[in-house]
Amino acid sequence: MTIDIMLPHYGDTALMQAAVRSVLDQTDKDWRLTVVDDGREPDVPEWFAALGDDRVRYLRNEVNLGITRNFQKCVDLVEATHFTMLGSDDLMMPTYVETLRAAIEAEPGAAIYQPGVEVIDEHGKPVTTLGDEVKRRLYAPKTSDGKRLVLSGEPLAANLLGGNWLYFPSICWRTDAVKAVGFREELSVIQDLALIIELIRRGESLVVDPAPAFRYRRHSASLSSAEAATGSRFGEAVRFFNEVADDLDQHGWHKAAKAARRHLSMRLHALTMLPGALRHRRSDAVRRLLGYALTRAE
């Protein structure tokens, strides 16, 4: 069973090359890598040509598609029964494909497979952030015995809408389930959660395998400046949570709808962005962040 590894790329070439090397270093060699380049950095096509590995396919978009449309193009290109959407600055541990293949063989009916994740900084060093600690301690299921968990239904939807503890680039997906839903083009920040909640609403399940298999990169610069300096990203989140709450009420999942309207972890996230906005003297961002964090749930 070949696993398709899709890599939508835009940005730092060196980090992307490190991500590709982490795929080449897999202990299980039954994979196929497709890189869809949404940028115009020089020498990238030549670097891929020099790899000389027929399991690696490199495509460069004629025009910039943007993050969500490039994600969808990757999904459209998937040929295998299962795939992952590797971030171009993240790293697979050498046992990633091996670990996910074992999880799929053990629980073949699931649509979402979440392996164990180590968070690293922009320099590749392990790092602990407040947001990741909140995810781990308050929202993520406990798997101390090392056994896989299979989660589904309204309890899972309510849990994730309260605080999304999944790491999107590390997830392995069942292809037919994702192709039936796809990414919502109007979303650019929260499109992964929208996909996951729709899959759960359709009756799909999530497998949590605690075996460490992935390194997820958090960039301190982007957290302190890009997000904090605008605060505008939370507007999309508010619209999504209110919309999905109405949909879930109609579906009869009132507990999950309530969790969506509260979206407590996203409100806390907005508060953690305030120091950065204050440091950058962005009064407009401060107002937006406070408004989002403190607005009464509908």
Protein backbone atom coordinates (compact mmCIF):
# COMPACT_ATOMS: atom_id res chain seq x y z
CA MET A 1 0.00 0.00 0.00
CA THR A 2 1.75 3.13 -1.23
CA ILE A 3 1.15 6.32 0.79
CA ASP A 4 1.02 9.55 -1.18
CA ILE A 5 2.92 12.40 0.47
CA MET A 6 1.70 15.72 -0.89
CA LEU A 7 3.82 18.80 -0.23
CA PRO A 8 2.24 22.16 -1.13
CA HIS A 9 5.17 24.56 -1.11
CA TYR A 10 5.57 28.31 -0.85
CA GLY A 11 8.37 30.05 1.00
CA ASP A 12 11.75 29.04 2.38
CA THR A 13 13.62 26.77 -0.04
CA ALA A 14 16.07 25.40 2.54
CA LEU A 15 13.28 24.32 4.90
CA MET A 16 11.40 22.71 2.00
CA GLN A 17 14.53 20.78 1.02
CA ALA A 18 14.90 19.57 4.62
CA ALA A 19 11.26 18.37 4.52
CA VAL A 20 11.96 16.47 1.30
CA ARG A 21 15.06 14.86 2.79
CA SER A 22 13.00 13.69 5.75
CA VAL A 23 10.79 11.82 3.27
CA LEU A 24 13.78 10.31 1.49
CA ASP A 25 15.04 9.03 4.87
CA GLN A 26 11.93 6.94 5.62
CA THR A 27 12.53 3.40 6.88
CA ASP A 28 9.49 2.25 4.90
CA LYS A 29 10.23 3.03 1.25
CA ASP A 30 6.71 2.49 -0.13
CA TRP A 31 5.74 6.13 -0.60
CA ARG A 32 5.34 8.63 -3.43
CA LEU A 33 6.13 12.34 -2.95
CA THR A 34 4.43 15.07 -4.99
CA VAL A 35 5.62 18.65 -4.50
CA VAL A 36 3.31 21.38 -5.81
CA ASP A 37 5.31 24.61 -5.85
CA ASP A 38 3.21 27.78 -5.61
CA GLY A 39 6.25 30.07 -5.71
CA ARG A 40 8.98 31.26 -8.06
CA GLU A 41 12.20 30.70 -6.12
CA PRO A 42 15.18 30.11 -8.45
CA ASP A 43 16.91 26.74 -8.92
CA VAL A 44 14.17 24.71 -7.25
CA PRO A 45 13.17 22.65 -10.33
CA GLU A 46 16.83 21.88 -10.96
CA TRP A 47 17.31 20.70 -7.37
CA PHE A 48 14.46 18.21 -7.74
CA ALA A 49 15.72 17.02 -11.11
CA ALA A 50 19.10 16.27 -9.52
CA LEU A 51 17.50 13.99 -6.91
CA GLY A 52 17.06 11.28 -9.53
CA ASP A 53 14.33 9.48 -7.55
CA ASP A 54 11.33 8.35 -9.58
CA ARG A 55 9.17 8.36 -6.43
CA VAL A 56 9.46 12.16 -6.34
CA ARG A 57 7.30 14.30 -8.62
CA TYR A 58 7.78 18.08 -8.80
CA LEU A 59 5.17 20.46 -10.25
CA ARG A 60 5.29 24.27 -10.37
CA ASN A 61 2.03 26.19 -10.69
CA GLU A 62 1.83 28.54 -13.67
CA VAL A 63 0.15 31.14 -11.45
CA ASN A 64 0.06 31.52 -7.69
CA LEU A 65 -3.00 29.68 -6.36
CA GLY A 66 -2.79 30.66 -2.71
CA ILE A 67 -2.72 28.27 0.20
CA THR A 68 -6.23 26.77 0.08
CA ARG A 69 -6.43 26.31 -3.68
CA ASN A 70 -2.98 24.73 -3.64
CA PHE A 71 -4.12 22.37 -0.89
CA GLN A 72 -7.08 21.39 -3.04
CA LYS A 73 -4.86 20.85 -6.08
CA CYS A 74 -2.77 18.47 -3.99
CA VAL A 75 -5.88 16.53 -2.99
CA ASP A 76 -6.96 16.33 -6.62
CA LEU A 77 -3.56 14.83 -7.52
CA VAL A 78 -3.67 12.07 -4.89
CA GLU A 79 -3.76 8.58 -6.41
CA ALA A 80 -3.17 6.30 -3.41
CA THR A 81 -5.82 5.17 -0.92
CA HIS A 82 -4.15 7.25 1.83
CA PHE A 83 -2.13 10.45 1.83
CA THR A 84 -0.58 13.09 4.03
CA MET A 85 -0.25 16.84 3.41
CA LEU A 86 3.27 17.57 4.62
CA GLY A 87 4.07 21.16 5.53
CA SER A 88 7.03 22.49 3.56
CA ASP A 89 8.78 23.53 6.78
CA ASP A 90 7.94 20.43 8.84
CA LEU A 91 9.83 17.15 9.16
CA MET A 92 8.85 13.51 9.14
CA MET A 93 10.68 11.30 11.58
CA PRO A 94 12.22 8.31 9.76
CA THR A 95 9.46 6.02 11.04
CA TYR A 96 6.52 8.18 9.90
CA VAL A 97 5.38 6.02 6.97
CA GLU A 98 6.05 2.83 8.95
CA THR A 99 3.99 4.10 11.91
CA LEU A 100 1.07 5.31 9.81
CA ARG A 101 0.96 2.14 7.72
CA ALA A 102 0.66 0.08 10.91
CA ALA A 103 -2.14 2.34 12.18
CA ILE A 104 -4.03 2.05 8.88
CA GLU A 105 -3.69 -1.74 8.86
CA ALA A 106 -4.97 -1.91 12.45
CA GLU A 107 -7.89 0.50 11.89
CA PRO A 108 -8.58 0.57 8.12
CA GLY A 109 -12.01 2.17 8.37
CA ALA A 110 -10.87 5.49 9.82
CA ALA A 111 -10.47 8.66 7.75
CA ILE A 112 -8.01 10.59 9.96
CA TYR A 113 -4.81 9.27 11.56
CA GLN A 114 -2.91 11.47 14.03
CA PRO A 115 0.58 10.28 15.06
CA GLY A 116 2.68 11.51 17.96
CA VAL A 117 4.20 14.95 17.31
CA GLU A 118 7.28 16.77 18.59
CA VAL A 119 7.13 20.56 18.29
CA ILE A 120 10.33 22.28 17.14
CA ASP A 121 11.34 25.91 16.62
CA GLU A 122 12.69 27.58 13.47
CA HIS A 123 16.14 26.18 14.28
CA GLY A 124 14.92 22.60 14.61
CA LYS A 125 15.20 22.51 18.40
CA PRO A 126 12.41 21.04 20.56
CA VAL A 127 10.27 23.79 22.03
CA THR A 128 7.35 24.06 24.43
CA THR A 129 4.77 26.77 23.78
CA LEU A 130 1.79 27.82 25.87
CA GLY A 131 -0.61 26.91 23.09
CA ASP A 132 0.82 23.42 22.67
CA GLU A 133 0.77 22.81 26.41
CA VAL A 134 -2.88 23.85 26.58
CA LYS A 135 -3.66 21.46 23.73
CA ARG A 136 -1.84 18.60 25.40
CA ARG A 137 -3.13 19.12 28.94
CA LEU A 138 -6.72 20.26 28.39
CA TYR A 139 -7.93 18.90 25.07
CA ALA A 140 -5.84 16.05 23.68
CA PRO A 141 -6.91 12.54 24.76
CA LYS A 142 -4.60 10.77 27.17
CA THR A 143 -2.65 7.90 25.64
CA SER A 144 -0.14 7.16 28.39
CA ASP A 145 -0.43 3.39 27.92
CA GLY A 146 0.83 3.70 24.34
CA LYS A 147 -2.30 2.21 22.81
CA ARG A 148 -4.09 3.66 19.80
CA LEU A 149 -7.40 5.42 20.36
CA VAL A 150 -10.35 5.48 17.96
CA LEU A 151 -12.59 8.55 18.39
CA SER A 152 -15.72 9.64 16.56
CA GLY A 153 -19.12 11.30 16.73
CA GLU A 154 -20.37 14.32 18.62
CA PRO A 155 -17.96 13.97 21.59
CA LEU A 156 -15.02 14.25 19.21
CA ALA A 157 -16.55 17.20 17.35
CA ALA A 158 -17.26 19.03 20.61
CA ASN A 159 -13.74 18.32 21.84
CA LEU A 160 -12.06 19.69 18.71
CA LEU A 161 -14.33 22.73 18.51
CA GLY A 162 -13.41 23.52 22.09
CA GLY A 163 -9.70 23.21 21.31
CA ASN A 164 -8.17 21.79 18.15
CA TRP A 165 -5.28 19.64 19.40
CA LEU A 166 -4.54 18.03 16.03
CA TYR A 167 -1.46 18.88 13.93
CA PHE A 168 -2.74 19.15 10.38
CA PRO A 169 0.56 18.57 8.44
CA SER A 170 1.20 15.36 10.41
CA ILE A 171 -2.17 13.74 9.70
CA CYS A 172 -2.62 10.84 7.32
CA TRP A 173 -5.98 10.81 5.51
CA ARG A 174 -8.15 8.27 3.74
CA THR A 175 -8.31 9.67 0.23
CA ASP A 176 -11.90 8.91 -0.75
CA ALA A 177 -13.26 10.60 2.38
CA VAL A 178 -11.29 13.80 1.80
CA LYS A 179 -12.02 13.96 -1.93
CA ALA A 180 -15.74 13.77 -1.11
CA VAL A 181 -15.47 16.93 1.02
CA GLY A 182 -12.47 18.97 -0.14
CA PHE A 183 -11.20 22.28 1.18
CA ARG A 184 -13.44 25.33 1.33
CA GLU A 185 -11.89 27.93 -0.94
CA GLU A 186 -13.21 30.89 1.06
CA LEU A 187 -11.25 29.78 4.14
CA SER A 188 -7.53 30.50 4.46
CA VAL A 189 -6.82 30.04 8.19
CA ILE A 190 -9.21 27.46 9.56
CA GLN A 191 -9.76 25.28 6.49
CA ASP A 192 -8.22 22.21 8.14
CA LEU A 193 -10.65 22.25 11.08
CA ALA A 194 -13.57 22.81 8.71
CA LEU A 195 -12.58 19.68 6.76
CA ILE A 196 -12.14 17.61 9.92
CA ILE A 197 -15.47 18.61 11.46
CA GLU A 198 -17.31 17.83 8.23
CA LEU A 199 -15.69 14.39 8.07
CA ILE A 200 -16.72 13.69 11.66
CA ARG A 201 -20.25 14.92 10.97
CA ARG A 202 -20.40 12.42 8.09
CA GLY A 203 -19.59 9.57 10.47
CA GLU A 204 -15.84 9.24 9.94
CA SER A 205 -13.50 8.34 12.80
CA LEU A 206 -10.09 9.51 14.01
CA VAL A 207 -7.24 7.23 15.10
CA VAL A 208 -4.70 8.62 17.56
CA ASP A 209 -1.39 6.74 17.53
CA PRO A 210 0.88 8.11 20.29
CA ALA A 211 4.08 6.80 18.68
CA PRO A 212 6.26 9.87 17.89
CA ALA A 213 6.56 10.17 14.11
CA PHE A 214 6.52 13.86 13.15
CA ARG A 215 8.25 17.16 13.93
CA TYR A 216 5.98 20.19 13.64
CA ARG A 217 7.72 23.53 13.27
CA ARG A 218 6.57 26.68 15.07
CA HIS A 219 8.23 29.92 14.02
CA SER A 220 8.57 32.40 16.89
CA ALA A 221 8.90 35.32 14.47
CA SER A 222 5.61 34.59 12.77
CA LEU A 223 3.81 34.12 16.08
CA SER A 224 5.05 37.39 17.54
CA SER A 225 4.72 39.57 14.46
CA ALA A 226 2.54 38.30 11.62
CA GLU A 227 -0.39 37.08 13.69
CA ALA A 228 -0.14 39.64 16.46
CA ALA A 229 0.38 42.55 14.10
CA THR A 230 -2.95 42.03 12.34
CA GLY A 231 -5.42 40.17 14.53
CA SER A 232 -7.58 39.90 11.41
CA ARG A 233 -7.22 36.11 11.15
CA PHE A 234 -9.73 35.69 13.97
CA GLY A 235 -12.56 37.20 11.95
CA GLU A 236 -12.58 34.12 9.73
CA ALA A 237 -12.63 31.92 12.81
CA VAL A 238 -15.66 33.73 14.27
CA ARG A 239 -17.62 33.30 11.05
CA PHE A 240 -16.72 29.63 10.81
CA PHE A 241 -17.60 28.79 14.41
CA ASN A 242 -20.98 30.52 14.23
CA GLU A 243 -21.77 28.86 10.91
CA VAL A 244 -20.77 25.36 12.00
CA ALA A 245 -22.70 25.80 15.25
CA ASP A 246 -25.90 26.38 13.28
CA ASP A 247 -25.15 23.36 11.06
CA LEU A 248 -24.50 21.11 14.05
CA ASP A 249 -27.69 22.23 15.78
CA GLN A 250 -29.60 21.17 12.68
CA HIS A 251 -27.69 17.87 12.77
CA GLY A 252 -28.86 17.32 16.36
CA TRP A 253 -25.39 17.73 17.87
CA HIS A 254 -26.27 20.46 20.37
CA LYS A 255 -23.28 19.89 22.67
CA ALA A 256 -20.88 20.30 19.75
CA ALA A 257 -22.78 23.38 18.57
CA LYS A 258 -22.42 24.92 22.03
CA ALA A 259 -18.68 24.23 22.01
CA ALA A 260 -18.41 25.93 18.60
CA ARG A 261 -20.20 29.06 19.81
CA ARG A 262 -17.93 29.28 22.82
CA HIS A 263 -14.67 28.46 20.90
CA LEU A 264 -12.78 29.01 24.13
CA SER A 265 -9.32 27.98 22.98
CA MET A 266 -9.42 30.39 20.05
CA ARG A 267 -10.41 33.20 22.40
CA LEU A 268 -7.46 32.32 24.64
CA HIS A 269 -5.23 32.28 21.56
CA ALA A 270 -6.33 35.81 20.75
CA LEU A 271 -5.38 36.91 24.27
CA THR A 272 -1.91 35.37 23.91
CA MET A 273 -1.42 37.51 20.77
CA LEU A 274 -2.00 40.75 22.69
CA PRO A 275 1.60 41.20 23.96
CA GLY A 276 2.93 41.03 20.40
CA ALA A 277 0.37 43.54 19.17
CA LEU A 278 1.25 45.87 22.04
CA ARG A 279 4.97 45.53 21.34
CA HIS A 280 4.38 46.47 17.72
CA ARG A 281 2.13 49.37 18.83
CA ARG A 282 -0.74 48.12 16.69
CA SER A 283 -3.75 49.63 18.41
CA ASP A 284 -6.03 48.35 15.63
CA ALA A 285 -4.87 44.78 16.26
CA VAL A 286 -5.28 45.22 20.02
CA ARG A 287 -8.91 46.29 19.51
CA ARG A 288 -9.63 43.37 17.19
CA LEU A 289 -8.00 40.82 19.47
CA LEU A 290 -9.81 42.09 22.57
CA GLY A 291 -13.09 42.26 20.69
CA TYR A 292 -12.73 38.68 19.53
CA ALA A 293 -11.61 37.32 22.91
CA LEU A 294 -14.28 39.08 24.96
CA THR A 295 -17.31 39.06 22.66
CA ARG A 296 -20.16 37.17 24.20
CA ALA A 297 -20.92 33.85 22.49
CA GLU A 298 -24.13 33.83 20.47
